[in-house]
Amino acid sequence: MGRRASCQTQLGANTRRRVTTWVLLKSRRSGAASQPDAGNMMTPRELSLFVILVPLTMCKYRFHALEIRAATGFAPSETSLGPTLAIGRVPRATVNDIVSRNITMVLENLLMNYENSQLPTHGKGVPTVVKTNILIRSMGPVSELDMDYSMDCYFRQSWRDSRLSFLGPIKSLSLSIKMLERIWRPDTYFYNGKHSYVHTITVPNKLLRISQDGDILYSMRLTIKAKCPMELRNFPMDRQSCPLIMGSYAYTSGQLVYEWQEGSSVNFVPGMALSQFDLMGSPYRNLTFVRREGEFSVLQVSFNLQRHTGYFLIQVYVPCVLIVVLSWVSFWIHREATSDRVGLGITTVLTLSTISLDSRTDLPKVRYATALDWFLLMSFGYCIATLLEFAGVHYFTKVGSGEIPLDDEEWEEWEGIGNEEFEDTFRTMISCSPQAVHPEILESSARRRGSLMCALYSVSSICYLCQG
């Protein structure tokens, strides 16, 4: 009420004289008409209302002008309040237009002597603190071949710059990204980044907001591709930890310090999932890196990933186990069916070779063997063992039937490698007598032991994979 009363006083004599002059001219024009029209004449009641309402209307616009001046520190000009405050005319500019124009004036005033190359705490003896948080929208793919990973995130930074503080009822200002070039901002970069970019469709995805006390929020949407050193000895039952390290490029820890935002440092969009991994955790911490230029404050977050084994169970392990089982079926094929048993053995070996090559397509050429390599090597060993077993059975069968007789020189070679008992046993096994049954014994032993070993191999492989 006090402000409105003072507003009425500020109208001054000019406004009153302007109203009185207009009333007199209206009355004279009405009285001077040759045929006066009653509709053009003002009644005493209309005149009284007009004299009361016009000052109130003038006071209303002047009151808004005072509010704008209190909020921005600038008094709006007459042109900002409309073409004129002429009696009977409505101002074309609204209060929102006035506020918008005066916000621009506020910014121009704040940036008039602003030096964007200096830190906000320049000359105060304390470092500028930049608080950071990340909201991850999606992750992947994670590449073992290139040892890197990608993610789409909202990267937010906030700091205080007292040079940009202001007074008024407006709590914060959302500004255009063009203002970024006119204010100081941290030179954050990713230490282990390979290729990162800001999304620009349909406009650059950036946000800049300044509050009354000079707190600045700078947010952008990034796609980050970063390096992830991997240890693949337990592949595909492995766990990986992929770090993301960020910090200042030029400012040392005495000038600029990075901190994680309390309570919301690293967040994920609900329902986010990776195709090949389970996200087990994302611990974060503050670090100090020592370089030749000095000590630098950095932030690190590690994404702990555990690989899904379902794909490898279906595409590699189960087919390999079935092929090994199939290779041991040759023990139940008659030893005289040479072509059948050899064809089955070669087919299993070639099939395992194809699976082995296909499984290593997406793996780097590391200097050590992975768990998958050992598994495939064992599968190869079982399949080749079936071929060697059949070769032995076939050889002793031919020797026993007399098709491959042993001459004296061969006997002399065998006699020199063992004692007399071994020689007698060996002579009995390869004897050409019709009572020799050593191929059948060898075949029967291979069936029993091979089946047992095949079962143990299959069960242990599946259990190990499921446990991993």
Foldseek 3Di string as FASTA:
>chain_A
DVLLVVLLVVVDPVNVVLLVVVVVVLQVVQVPDPDHDPVSDDDPVNSVVLVVVLSSVSSVLVVLQVQLCQAQVDGDDQVQQAPHSDPPDDGPHDSVSSNVVSVVVSVCVLLVVADQVDDLCPPVQAAWEKAKAKEWEAWDDQFQAQQKIKTKIKIKIKTFRQSSAGDHPDFKDKDDCVCVVRHHDFQKDWPFWDDKDFDQVPHGAWTWMAGRRRMIMIITIMMTMGGFDDDFQAPPQDKGKGKIKMFGDPDACSHYAYHYDPPGHYHYDPPYDYDFWDFPDKDKDWDWDQDPVGITIMIMIITMIGTDLPVCVVLPQVVLLVLLVQLLCLLVPDLVPVVVNVVSLVVSLVVLVVSVVVVCPRHHPDPDDHPSNVLSVVSNVSSVVSVVLSVVLNVLVCLLCVVDDDDPVVLVVVPPPDDPVVSVVVCQQSPNDPVRDNSVVSSVVCSVVVVVVSVVSSVVSVVVSVVD
